[in-house]
PDB file of N, CA and C in Angstrom:
ATOM      1  N   MET A   1       0.823  -1.182   0.000  1.00  0.00           N
ATOM      2  CA  MET A   1       0.000   0.000   0.000  1.00  0.00           C
ATOM      3  C   MET A   1       0.873   1.254   0.000  1.00  0.00           C
ATOM      4  N   THR A   2       0.447   2.246  -0.710  1.00  0.00           N
ATOM      5  CA  THR A   2       1.234   3.476  -0.766  1.00  0.00           C
ATOM      6  C   THR A   2       0.806   4.432   0.332  1.00  0.00           C
ATOM      7  N   ASN A   3       1.737   5.200   0.753  1.00  0.00           N
ATOM      8  CA  ASN A   3       1.479   6.216   1.758  1.00  0.00           C
ATOM      9  C   ASN A   3       0.806   7.405   1.071  1.00  0.00           C
ATOM     10  N   PRO A   4      -0.412   7.795   1.496  1.00  0.00           N
ATOM     11  CA  PRO A   4      -1.123   8.889   0.818  1.00  0.00           C
ATOM     12  C   PRO A   4      -0.334  10.207   0.828  1.00  0.00           C
ATOM     13  N   GLU A   5       0.414  10.444   1.872  1.00  0.00           N
ATOM     14  CA  GLU A   5       1.179  11.672   1.951  1.00  0.00           C
ATOM     15  C   GLU A   5       2.283  11.704   0.892  1.00  0.00           C
ATOM     16  N   SER A   6       2.998  10.608   0.711  1.00  0.00           N
ATOM     17  CA  SER A   6       4.052  10.579  -0.291  1.00  0.00           C
ATOM     18  C   SER A   6       3.461  10.641  -1.704  1.00  0.00           C
ATOM     19  N   TYR A   7       2.297  10.047  -1.899  1.00  0.00           N
ATOM     20  CA  TYR A   7       1.624  10.139  -3.191  1.00  0.00           C
ATOM     21  C   TYR A   7       1.260  11.595  -3.475  1.00  0.00           C
ATOM     22  N   TRP A   8       0.740  12.285  -2.467  1.00  0.00           N
ATOM     23  CA  TRP A   8       0.389  13.695  -2.608  1.00  0.00           C
ATOM     24  C   TRP A   8       1.621  14.541  -2.914  1.00  0.00           C
ATOM     25  N   ASP A   9       2.721  14.274  -2.207  1.00  0.00           N
ATOM     26  CA  ASP A   9       3.959  15.003  -2.453  1.00  0.00           C
ATOM     27  C   ASP A   9       4.432  14.815  -3.889  1.00  0.00           C
ATOM     28  N   LYS A  10       4.330  13.590  -4.385  1.00  0.00           N
ATOM     29  CA  LYS A  10       4.744  13.306  -5.759  1.00  0.00           C
ATOM     30  C   LYS A  10       3.876  14.070  -6.760  1.00  0.00           C
ATOM     31  N   CYS A  11       2.600  14.135  -6.500  1.00  0.00           N
ATOM     32  CA  CYS A  11       1.685  14.866  -7.390  1.00  0.00           C
ATOM     33  C   CYS A  11       2.012  16.356  -7.400  1.00  0.00           C
ATOM     34  N   VAL A  12       2.250  16.902  -6.227  1.00  0.00           N
ATOM     35  CA  VAL A  12       2.572  18.329  -6.137  1.00  0.00           C
ATOM     36  C   VAL A  12       3.864  18.622  -6.880  1.00  0.00           C
ATOM     37  N   ARG A  13       4.874  17.780  -6.686  1.00  0.00           N
ATOM     38  CA  ARG A  13       6.143  17.974  -7.394  1.00  0.00           C
ATOM     39  C   ARG A  13       5.936  17.931  -8.902  1.00  0.00           C
ATOM     40  N   THR A  14       5.127  16.998  -9.366  1.00  0.00           N
ATOM     41  CA  THR A  14       4.863  16.868 -10.795  1.00  0.00           C
ATOM     42  C   THR A  14       4.144  18.103 -11.328  1.00  0.00           C
ATOM     43  N   VAL A  15       3.148  18.550 -10.589  1.00  0.00           N
ATOM     44  CA  VAL A  15       2.373  19.714 -11.021  1.00  0.00           C
ATOM     45  C   VAL A  15       3.247  20.960 -11.067  1.00  0.00           C
ATOM     46  N   ILE A  16       4.224  21.062 -10.194  1.00  0.00           N
ATOM     47  CA  ILE A  16       5.113  22.226 -10.174  1.00  0.00           C
ATOM     48  C   ILE A  16       6.261  22.066 -11.166  1.00  0.00           C
ATOM     49  N   CYS A  17       6.882  20.899 -11.203  1.00  0.00           N
ATOM     50  CA  CYS A  17       8.096  20.708 -12.008  1.00  0.00           C
ATOM     51  C   CYS A  17       7.834  20.666 -13.508  1.00  0.00           C
ATOM     52  N   VAL A  18       6.793  20.011 -13.940  1.00  0.00           N
ATOM     53  CA  VAL A  18       6.528  19.879 -15.377  1.00  0.00           C
ATOM     54  C   VAL A  18       6.312  21.252 -16.031  1.00  0.00           C
ATOM     55  N   PRO A  19       5.445  22.112 -15.485  1.00  0.00           N
ATOM     56  CA  PRO A  19       5.305  23.442 -16.115  1.00  0.00           C
ATOM     57  C   PRO A  19       6.590  24.266 -16.069  1.00  0.00           C
ATOM     58  N   LEU A  20       7.366  24.171 -14.988  1.00  0.00           N
ATOM     59  CA  LEU A  20       8.628  24.906 -14.918  1.00  0.00           C
ATOM     60  C   LEU A  20       9.617  24.409 -15.972  1.00  0.00           C
ATOM     61  N   PHE A  21       9.661  23.098 -16.175  1.00  0.00           N
ATOM     62  CA  PHE A  21      10.535  22.525 -17.199  1.00  0.00           C
ATOM     63  C   PHE A  21      10.114  23.014 -18.588  1.00  0.00           C
ATOM     64  N   CYS A  22       8.822  23.004 -18.852  1.00  0.00           N
ATOM     65  CA  CYS A  22       8.320  23.471 -20.154  1.00  0.00           C
ATOM     66  C   CYS A  22       8.617  24.959 -20.344  1.00  0.00           C
ATOM     67  N   LEU A  23       8.473  25.744 -19.295  1.00  0.00           N
ATOM     68  CA  LEU A  23       8.770  27.164 -19.371  1.00  0.00           C
ATOM     69  C   LEU A  23      10.249  27.391 -19.671  1.00  0.00           C
ATOM     70  N   ALA A  24      11.109  26.606 -19.039  1.00  0.00           N
ATOM     71  CA  ALA A  24      12.550  26.728 -19.289  1.00  0.00           C
ATOM     72  C   ALA A  24      12.884  26.394 -20.736  1.00  0.00           C
ATOM     73  N   LEU A  25      12.234  25.395 -21.298  1.00  0.00           N
ATOM     74  CA  LEU A  25      12.495  25.025 -22.693  1.00  0.00           C
ATOM     75  C   LEU A  25      12.054  26.117 -23.664  1.00  0.00           C
ATOM     76  N   THR A  26      10.995  26.829 -23.339  1.00  0.00           N
ATOM     77  CA  THR A  26      10.543  27.883 -24.247  1.00  0.00           C
ATOM     78  C   THR A  26      11.503  29.057 -24.254  1.00  0.00           C
ATOM     79  N   ALA A  27      12.329  29.173 -23.235  1.00  0.00           N
ATOM     80  CA  ALA A  27      13.305  30.264 -23.167  1.00  0.00           C
ATOM     81  C   ALA A  27      14.569  29.951 -23.968  1.00  0.00           C
ATOM     82  N   CYS A  28      14.707  28.740 -24.463  1.00  0.00           N
ATOM     83  CA  CYS A  28      15.892  28.342 -25.216  1.00  0.00           C
ATOM     84  C   CYS A  28      15.849  28.949 -26.625  1.00  0.00           C
ATOM     85  N   TYR A  29      16.981  29.445 -27.074  1.00  0.00           N
ATOM     86  CA  TYR A  29      17.086  29.999 -28.416  1.00  0.00           C
ATOM     87  C   TYR A  29      17.272  28.867 -29.418  1.00  0.00           C
ATOM     88  N   VAL A  30      16.471  28.877 -30.456  1.00  0.00           N
ATOM     89  CA  VAL A  30      16.590  27.920 -31.550  1.00  0.00           C
ATOM     90  C   VAL A  30      16.752  28.737 -32.831  1.00  0.00           C
ATOM     91  N   PRO A  31      17.862  28.553 -33.557  1.00  0.00           N
ATOM     92  CA  PRO A  31      18.072  29.339 -34.779  1.00  0.00           C
ATOM     93  C   PRO A  31      16.936  29.143 -35.791  1.00  0.00           C
ATOM     94  N   ASN A  32      16.456  30.247 -36.347  1.00  0.00           N
ATOM     95  CA  ASN A  32      15.385  30.193 -37.336  1.00  0.00           C
ATOM     96  C   ASN A  32      15.658  31.278 -38.376  1.00  0.00           C
ATOM     97  N   GLN A  33      16.296  30.884 -39.467  1.00  0.00           N
ATOM     98  CA  GLN A  33      16.714  31.833 -40.510  1.00  0.00           C
ATOM     99  C   GLN A  33      15.529  32.573 -41.119  1.00  0.00           C
ATOM    100  N   GLU A  34      14.449  31.859 -41.395  1.00  0.00           N
ATOM    101  CA  GLU A  34      13.283  32.504 -42.019  1.00  0.00           C
ATOM    102  C   GLU A  34      12.699  33.576 -41.113  1.00  0.00           C
ATOM    103  N   GLN A  35      12.617  33.279 -39.831  1.00  0.00           N
ATOM    104  CA  GLN A  35      12.082  34.254 -38.880  1.00  0.00           C
ATOM    105  C   GLN A  35      13.002  35.477 -38.779  1.00  0.00           C
ATOM    106  N   LEU A  36      14.313  35.251 -38.790  1.00  0.00           N
ATOM    107  CA  LEU A  36      15.265  36.360 -38.738  1.00  0.00           C
ATOM    108  C   LEU A  36      15.108  37.265 -39.960  1.00  0.00           C
ATOM    109  N   VAL A  37      15.048  36.674 -41.145  1.00  0.00           N
ATOM    110  CA  VAL A  37      14.895  37.449 -42.385  1.00  0.00           C
ATOM    111  C   VAL A  37      13.598  38.254 -42.338  1.00  0.00           C
ATOM    112  N   ARG A  38      12.514  37.601 -41.939  1.00  0.00           N
ATOM    113  CA  ARG A  38      11.220  38.282 -41.872  1.00  0.00           C
ATOM    114  C   ARG A  38      11.268  39.453 -40.880  1.00  0.00           C
ATOM    115  N   SER A  39      11.858  39.225 -39.722  1.00  0.00           N
ATOM    116  CA  SER A  39      11.951  40.258 -38.695  1.00  0.00           C
ATOM    117  C   SER A  39      12.775  41.454 -39.165  1.00  0.00           C
ATOM    118  N   VAL A  40      13.915  41.179 -39.803  1.00  0.00           N
ATOM    119  CA  VAL A  40      14.773  42.269 -40.296  1.00  0.00           C
ATOM    120  C   VAL A  40      14.045  43.072 -41.366  1.00  0.00           C
ATOM    121  N   HIS A  41      13.375  42.391 -42.290  1.00  0.00           N
ATOM    122  CA  HIS A  41      12.705  43.108 -43.375  1.00  0.00           C
ATOM    123  C   HIS A  41      11.460  43.855 -42.906  1.00  0.00           C
ATOM    124  N   GLU A  42      10.914  43.480 -41.746  1.00  0.00           N
ATOM    125  CA  GLU A  42       9.813  44.255 -41.165  1.00  0.00           C
ATOM    126  C   GLU A  42      10.337  45.563 -40.574  1.00  0.00           C
ATOM    127  N   LYS A  43      11.563  45.547 -40.070  1.00  0.00           N
ATOM    128  CA  LYS A  43      12.131  46.722 -39.399  1.00  0.00           C
ATOM    129  C   LYS A  43      12.941  47.613 -40.333  1.00  0.00           C
ATOM    130  N   VAL A  44      13.570  47.023 -41.333  1.00  0.00           N
ATOM    131  CA  VAL A  44      14.458  47.775 -42.234  1.00  0.00           C
ATOM    132  C   VAL A  44      13.939  47.638 -43.662  1.00  0.00           C
ATOM    133  N   THR A  45      13.728  48.784 -44.295  1.00  0.00           N
ATOM    134  CA  THR A  45      13.218  48.758 -45.661  1.00  0.00           C
ATOM    135  C   THR A  45      14.132  49.585 -46.574  1.00  0.00           C
ATOM    136  N   ILE A  46      14.084  49.252 -47.842  1.00  0.00           N
ATOM    137  CA  ILE A  46      14.855  49.985 -48.849  1.00  0.00           C
ATOM    138  C   ILE A  46      14.370  51.434 -48.862  1.00  0.00           C
ATOM    139  N   GLY A  47      15.321  52.375 -48.895  1.00  0.00           N
ATOM    140  CA  GLY A  47      14.981  53.785 -48.952  1.00  0.00           C
ATOM    141  C   GLY A  47      14.922  54.468 -47.587  1.00  0.00           C
ATOM    142  N   MET A  48      14.997  53.692 -46.504  1.00  0.00           N
ATOM    143  CA  MET A  48      14.981  54.313 -45.174  1.00  0.00           C
ATOM    144  C   MET A  48      16.373  54.811 -44.828  1.00  0.00           C
ATOM    145  N   PRO A  49      16.492  55.854 -44.018  1.00  0.00           N
ATOM    146  CA  PRO A  49      17.813  56.338 -43.613  1.00  0.00           C
ATOM    147  C   PRO A  49      18.585  55.274 -42.826  1.00  0.00           C
ATOM    148  N   VAL A  50      19.890  55.216 -43.053  1.00  0.00           N
ATOM    149  CA  VAL A  50      20.730  54.231 -42.364  1.00  0.00           C
ATOM    150  C   VAL A  50      20.604  54.391 -40.852  1.00  0.00           C
ATOM    151  N   ALA A  51      20.592  55.623 -40.360  1.00  0.00           N
ATOM    152  CA  ALA A  51      20.500  55.861 -38.918  1.00  0.00           C
ATOM    153  C   ALA A  51      19.217  55.281 -38.335  1.00  0.00           C
ATOM    154  N   THR A  52      18.122  55.384 -39.067  1.00  0.00           N
ATOM    155  CA  THR A  52      16.845  54.827 -38.610  1.00  0.00           C
ATOM    156  C   THR A  52      16.917  53.308 -38.584  1.00  0.00           C
ATOM    157  N   ALA A  53      17.529  52.715 -39.603  1.00  0.00           N
ATOM    158  CA  ALA A  53      17.670  51.257 -39.663  1.00  0.00           C
ATOM    159  C   ALA A  53      18.548  50.754 -38.520  1.00  0.00           C
ATOM    160  N   VAL A  54      19.656  51.437 -38.267  1.00  0.00           N
ATOM    161  CA  VAL A  54      20.561  51.044 -37.182  1.00  0.00           C
ATOM    162  C   VAL A  54      19.840  51.133 -35.839  1.00  0.00           C
ATOM    163  N   SER A  55      19.068  52.172 -35.664  1.00  0.00           N
ATOM    164  CA  SER A  55      18.301  52.340 -34.428  1.00  0.00           C
ATOM    165  C   SER A  55      17.270  51.226 -34.262  1.00  0.00           C
ATOM    166  N   ALA A  56      16.561  50.896 -35.342  1.00  0.00           N
ATOM    167  CA  ALA A  56      15.548  49.836 -35.294  1.00  0.00           C
ATOM    168  C   ALA A  56      16.177  48.483 -34.956  1.00  0.00           C
ATOM    169  N   LEU A  57      17.329  48.192 -35.553  1.00  0.00           N
ATOM    170  CA  LEU A  57      18.011  46.930 -35.246  1.00  0.00           C
ATOM    171  C   LEU A  57      18.587  46.951 -33.829  1.00  0.00           C
ATOM    172  N   GLY A  58      19.024  48.114 -33.373  1.00  0.00           N
ATOM    173  CA  GLY A  58      19.558  48.242 -32.019  1.00  0.00           C
ATOM    174  C   GLY A  58      18.535  47.902 -30.956  1.00  0.00           C
ATOM    175  N   VAL A  59      17.273  48.232 -31.202  1.00  0.00           N
ATOM    176  CA  VAL A  59      16.195  47.888 -30.263  1.00  0.00           C
ATOM    177  C   VAL A  59      16.112  46.374 -30.086  1.00  0.00           C
ATOM    178  N   ASP A  60      16.430  45.636 -31.138  1.00  0.00           N
ATOM    179  CA  ASP A  60      16.398  44.168 -31.082  1.00  0.00           C
ATOM    180  C   ASP A  60      17.721  43.556 -30.633  1.00  0.00           C
ATOM    181  N   GLY A  61      18.660  44.371 -30.187  1.00  0.00           N
ATOM    182  CA  GLY A  61      19.908  43.843 -29.643  1.00  0.00           C
ATOM    183  C   GLY A  61      21.065  43.763 -30.621  1.00  0.00           C
ATOM    184  N   PHE A  62      20.896  44.275 -31.821  1.00  0.00           N
ATOM    185  CA  PHE A  62      22.001  44.287 -32.783  1.00  0.00           C
ATOM    186  C   PHE A  62      22.943  45.438 -32.477  1.00  0.00           C
ATOM    187  N   ALA A  63      24.229  45.208 -32.643  1.00  0.00           N
ATOM    188  CA  ALA A  63      25.248  46.261 -32.551  1.00  0.00           C
ATOM    189  C   ALA A  63      25.773  46.477 -33.959  1.00  0.00           C
ATOM    190  N   CYS A  64      25.803  47.727 -34.395  1.00  0.00           N
ATOM    191  CA  CYS A  64      26.195  48.038 -35.771  1.00  0.00           C
ATOM    192  C   CYS A  64      27.462  48.886 -35.798  1.00  0.00           C
ATOM    193  N   SER A  65      28.263  48.668 -36.852  1.00  0.00           N
ATOM    194  CA  SER A  65      29.482  49.463 -37.039  1.00  0.00           C
ATOM    195  C   SER A  65      29.816  49.522 -38.525  1.00  0.00           C
ATOM    196  N   GLY A  66      30.648  50.500 -38.879  1.00  0.00           N
ATOM    197  CA  GLY A  66      31.085  50.637 -40.265  1.00  0.00           C
ATOM    198  C   GLY A  66      30.053  51.349 -41.120  1.00  0.00           C
ATOM    199  N   ASP A  67      30.447  51.546 -42.366  1.00  0.00           N
ATOM    200  CA  ASP A  67      29.513  52.134 -43.317  1.00  0.00           C
ATOM    201  C   ASP A  67      29.806  51.606 -44.710  1.00  0.00           C
ATOM    202  N   THR A  68      28.769  51.372 -45.449  1.00  0.00           N
ATOM    203  CA  THR A  68      28.780  50.839 -46.816  1.00  0.00           C
ATOM    204  C   THR A  68      29.711  49.650 -46.992  1.00  0.00           C
ATOM    205  N   PRO A  69      29.453  48.490 -46.469  1.00  0.00           N
ATOM    206  CA  PRO A  69      28.217  48.196 -45.743  1.00  0.00           C
ATOM    207  C   PRO A  69      28.350  48.488 -44.244  1.00  0.00           C
ATOM    208  N   THR A  70      27.207  48.716 -43.640  1.00  0.00           N
ATOM    209  CA  THR A  70      27.142  48.802 -42.180  1.00  0.00           C
ATOM    210  C   THR A  70      26.870  47.384 -41.695  1.00  0.00           C
ATOM    211  N   ASP A  71      27.770  46.860 -40.873  1.00  0.00           N
ATOM    212  CA  ASP A  71      27.616  45.488 -40.362  1.00  0.00           C
ATOM    213  C   ASP A  71      26.924  45.519 -39.010  1.00  0.00           C
ATOM    214  N   CYS A  72      25.854  44.761 -38.887  1.00  0.00           N
ATOM    215  CA  CYS A  72      25.116  44.650 -37.631  1.00  0.00           C
ATOM    216  C   CYS A  72      25.112  43.184 -37.218  1.00  0.00           C
ATOM    217  N   SER A  73      25.336  42.936 -35.942  1.00  0.00           N
ATOM    218  CA  SER A  73      25.325  41.549 -35.468  1.00  0.00           C
ATOM    219  C   SER A  73      24.839  41.493 -34.031  1.00  0.00           C
ATOM    220  N   ARG A  74      24.345  40.316 -33.668  1.00  0.00           N
ATOM    221  CA  ARG A  74      23.984  40.050 -32.277  1.00  0.00           C
ATOM    222  C   ARG A  74      24.289  38.593 -31.984  1.00  0.00           C
ATOM    223  N   ILE A  75      24.628  38.334 -30.726  1.00  0.00           N
ATOM    224  CA  ILE A  75      24.940  36.979 -30.283  1.00  0.00           C
ATOM    225  C   ILE A  75      23.776  36.462 -29.454  1.00  0.00           C
ATOM    226  N   LYS A  76      23.337  35.264 -29.773  1.00  0.00           N
ATOM    227  CA  LYS A  76      22.255  34.613 -29.035  1.00  0.00           C
ATOM    228  C   LYS A  76      22.842  33.409 -28.303  1.00  0.00           C
ATOM    229  N   GLN A  77      22.690  33.403 -26.990  1.00  0.00           N
ATOM    230  CA  GLN A  77      23.174  32.274 -26.182  1.00  0.00           C
ATOM    231  C   GLN A  77      22.142  31.153 -26.215  1.00  0.00           C
ATOM    232  N   ARG A  78      22.628  29.937 -26.197  1.00  0.00           N
ATOM    233  CA  ARG A  78      21.761  28.768 -26.176  1.00  0.00           C
ATOM    234  C   ARG A  78      21.902  28.059 -24.846  1.00  0.00           C
ATOM    235  N   LEU A  79      20.999  27.138 -24.567  1.00  0.00           N
ATOM    236  CA  LEU A  79      21.048  26.364 -23.336  1.00  0.00           C
ATOM    237  C   LEU A  79      22.317  25.519 -23.293  1.00  0.00           C
ATOM    238  N   LEU A  80      22.692  24.971 -24.430  1.00  0.00           N
ATOM    239  CA  LEU A  80      23.926  24.200 -24.520  1.00  0.00           C
ATOM    240  C   LEU A  80      25.108  25.165 -24.466  1.00  0.00           C
ATOM    241  N   PRO A  81      26.312  24.666 -24.187  1.00  0.00           N
ATOM    242  CA  PRO A  81      27.457  25.583 -24.151  1.00  0.00           C
ATOM    243  C   PRO A  81      27.859  26.013 -25.569  1.00  0.00           C
ATOM    244  N   SER A  82      27.002  26.801 -26.181  1.00  0.00           N
ATOM    245  CA  SER A  82      27.260  27.302 -27.523  1.00  0.00           C
ATOM    246  C   SER A  82      26.490  28.595 -27.720  1.00  0.00           C
ATOM    247  N   SER A  83      26.796  29.286 -28.791  1.00  0.00           N
ATOM    248  CA  SER A  83      26.073  30.515 -29.105  1.00  0.00           C
ATOM    249  C   SER A  83      25.958  30.655 -30.616  1.00  0.00           C
ATOM    250  N   CYS A  84      25.054  31.527 -31.031  1.00  0.00           N
ATOM    251  CA  CYS A  84      24.832  31.764 -32.451  1.00  0.00           C
ATOM    252  C   CYS A  84      24.979  33.260 -32.735  1.00  0.00           C
ATOM    253  N   ILE A  85      25.493  33.564 -33.910  1.00  0.00           N
ATOM    254  CA  ILE A  85      25.656  34.956 -34.330  1.00  0.00           C
ATOM    255  C   ILE A  85      24.720  35.211 -35.506  1.00  0.00           C
ATOM    256  N   GLU A  86      23.931  36.267 -35.359  1.00  0.00           N
ATOM    257  CA  GLU A  86      23.045  36.702 -36.434  1.00  0.00           C
ATOM    258  C   GLU A  86      23.645  37.993 -37.006  1.00  0.00           C
ATOM    259  N   ARG A  87      23.777  38.041 -38.340  1.00  0.00           N
ATOM    260  CA  ARG A  87      24.424  39.194 -38.988  1.00  0.00           C
ATOM    261  C   ARG A  87      23.526  39.784 -40.076  1.00  0.00           C
ATOM    262  N   VAL A  88      23.589  41.111 -40.161  1.00  0.00           N
ATOM    263  CA  VAL A  88      22.862  41.853 -41.195  1.00  0.00           C
ATOM    264  C   VAL A  88      23.812  42.903 -41.759  1.00  0.00           C
ATOM    265  N   GLN A  89      23.859  43.035 -43.083  1.00  0.00           N
ATOM    266  CA  GLN A  89      24.657  44.069 -43.726  1.00  0.00           C
ATOM    267  C   GLN A  89      23.697  45.056 -44.391  1.00  0.00           C
ATOM    268  N   LEU A  90      23.935  46.331 -44.101  1.00  0.00           N
ATOM    269  CA  LEU A  90      23.126  47.398 -44.681  1.00  0.00           C
ATOM    270  C   LEU A  90      23.990  48.158 -45.687  1.00  0.00           C
ATOM    271  N   TYR A  91      23.574  48.171 -46.933  1.00  0.00           N
ATOM    272  CA  TYR A  91      24.296  48.889 -47.984  1.00  0.00           C
ATOM    273  C   TYR A  91      23.529  50.172 -48.279  1.00  0.00           C
ATOM    274  N   SER A  92      24.261  51.288 -48.301  1.00  0.00           N
ATOM    275  CA  SER A  92      23.603  52.561 -48.553  1.00  0.00           C
ATOM    276  C   SER A  92      24.000  53.104 -49.918  1.00  0.00           C
ATOM    277  N   ASP A  93      23.184  53.996 -50.397  1.00  0.00           N
ATOM    278  CA  ASP A  93      23.441  54.675 -51.654  1.00  0.00           C
ATOM    279  C   ASP A  93      24.655  55.593 -51.468  1.00  0.00           C
ATOM    280  N   PRO A  94      25.643  55.544 -52.364  1.00  0.00           N
ATOM    281  CA  PRO A  94      26.846  56.365 -52.189  1.00  0.00           C
ATOM    282  C   PRO A  94      26.570  57.869 -52.145  1.00  0.00           C
ATOM    283  N   ASP A  95      25.489  58.305 -52.764  1.00  0.00           N
ATOM    284  CA  ASP A  95      25.180  59.735 -52.814  1.00  0.00           C
ATOM    285  C   ASP A  95      24.288  60.206 -51.660  1.00  0.00           C
ATOM    286  N   SER A  96      23.822  59.277 -50.845  1.00  0.00           N
ATOM    287  CA  SER A  96      22.962  59.667 -49.722  1.00  0.00           C
ATOM    288  C   SER A  96      23.159  58.667 -48.586  1.00  0.00           C
ATOM    289  N   THR A  97      22.388  58.823 -47.556  1.00  0.00           N
ATOM    290  CA  THR A  97      22.467  57.886 -46.428  1.00  0.00           C
ATOM    291  C   THR A  97      21.235  57.001 -46.378  1.00  0.00           C
ATOM    292  N   LEU A  98      20.695  56.669 -47.544  1.00  0.00           N
ATOM    293  CA  LEU A  98      19.505  55.826 -47.613  1.00  0.00           C
ATOM    294  C   LEU A  98      19.893  54.379 -47.929  1.00  0.00           C
ATOM    295  N   ILE A  99      19.174  53.452 -47.334  1.00  0.00           N
ATOM    296  CA  ILE A  99      19.412  52.014 -47.550  1.00  0.00           C
ATOM    297  C   ILE A  99      19.050  51.666 -48.993  1.00  0.00           C
ATOM    298  N   ARG A 100      19.962  50.960 -49.673  1.00  0.00           N
ATOM    299  CA  ARG A 100      19.647  50.487 -51.022  1.00  0.00           C
ATOM    300  C   ARG A 100      19.603  48.962 -51.101  1.00  0.00           C
ATOM    301  N   ARG A 101      20.203  48.290 -50.084  1.00  0.00           N
ATOM    302  CA  ARG A 101      20.175  46.821 -50.069  1.00  0.00           C
ATOM    303  C   ARG A 101      20.378  46.332 -48.641  1.00  0.00           C
ATOM    304  N   VAL A 102      19.663  45.267 -48.282  1.00  0.00           N
ATOM    305  CA  VAL A 102      19.773  44.635 -46.958  1.00  0.00           C
ATOM    306  C   VAL A 102      20.091  43.168 -47.185  1.00  0.00           C
ATOM    307  N   VAL A 103      21.178  42.696 -46.577  1.00  0.00           N
ATOM    308  CA  VAL A 103      21.581  41.301 -46.713  1.00  0.00           C
ATOM    309  C   VAL A 103      21.585  40.660 -45.314  1.00  0.00           C
ATOM    310  N   VAL A 104      20.786  39.605 -45.157  1.00  0.00           N
ATOM    311  CA  VAL A 104      20.759  38.861 -43.899  1.00  0.00           C
ATOM    312  C   VAL A 104      21.579  37.591 -44.118  1.00  0.00           C
ATOM    313  N   SER A 105      22.707  37.505 -43.427  1.00  0.00           N
ATOM    314  CA  SER A 105      23.601  36.347 -43.578  1.00  0.00           C
ATOM    315  C   SER A 105      23.007  35.131 -42.851  1.00  0.00           C
ATOM    316  N   PRO A 106      23.416  33.926 -43.275  1.00  0.00           N
ATOM    317  CA  PRO A 106      22.962  32.731 -42.562  1.00  0.00           C
ATOM    318  C   PRO A 106      23.420  32.774 -41.095  1.00  0.00           C
ATOM    319  N   ILE A 107      22.568  32.303 -40.204  1.00  0.00           N
ATOM    320  CA  ILE A 107      22.896  32.252 -38.781  1.00  0.00           C
ATOM    321  C   ILE A 107      24.055  31.276 -38.589  1.00  0.00           C
ATOM    322  N   SER A 108      25.049  31.702 -37.835  1.00  0.00           N
ATOM    323  CA  SER A 108      26.238  30.890 -37.603  1.00  0.00           C
ATOM    324  C   SER A 108      26.313  30.496 -36.129  1.00  0.00           C
ATOM    325  N   CYS A 109      26.341  29.187 -35.853  1.00  0.00           N
ATOM    326  CA  CYS A 109      26.394  28.698 -34.477  1.00  0.00           C
ATOM    327  C   CYS A 109      27.677  27.899 -34.247  1.00  0.00           C
ATOM    328  N   ALA A 110      28.221  28.049 -33.052  1.00  0.00           N
ATOM    329  CA  ALA A 110      29.437  27.316 -32.700  1.00  0.00           C
ATOM    330  C   ALA A 110      29.431  27.041 -31.191  1.00  0.00           C
ATOM    331  N   GLY A 111      30.129  26.027 -30.789  1.00  0.00           N
ATOM    332  CA  GLY A 111      30.212  25.702 -29.373  1.00  0.00           C
ATOM    333  C   GLY A 111      30.815  24.338 -29.155  1.00  0.00           C
ATOM    334  N   LEU A 112      30.717  23.889 -27.937  1.00  0.00           N
ATOM    335  CA  LEU A 112      31.292  22.588 -27.585  1.00  0.00           C
ATOM    336  C   LEU A 112      30.475  21.451 -28.092  1.00  0.00           C
TER     337      LEU A 112
END
């Protein structure tokens, strides 16, 4: 016969641990190239000022440097001992500071 108290304790642990485990898994970064491309193109459009594009990407955690192209990148940590780098290059018109091309590089991941 099982002890009702230990059975109750097991149920409580299950009810608490399973949702916490699921919540932890949802916080894990999983590379998704299509989502990255879609997100960048929603924020940065052809003809927008480079400064506005850099600011929009900065809100999402990108750090940008250089000009023509302006290189923007961000590092995403994963649950495993590894990380991924997301990169975007902004090309501007030589005669103005307007975006003429946006290139989203493939996500690059490395680790142990």
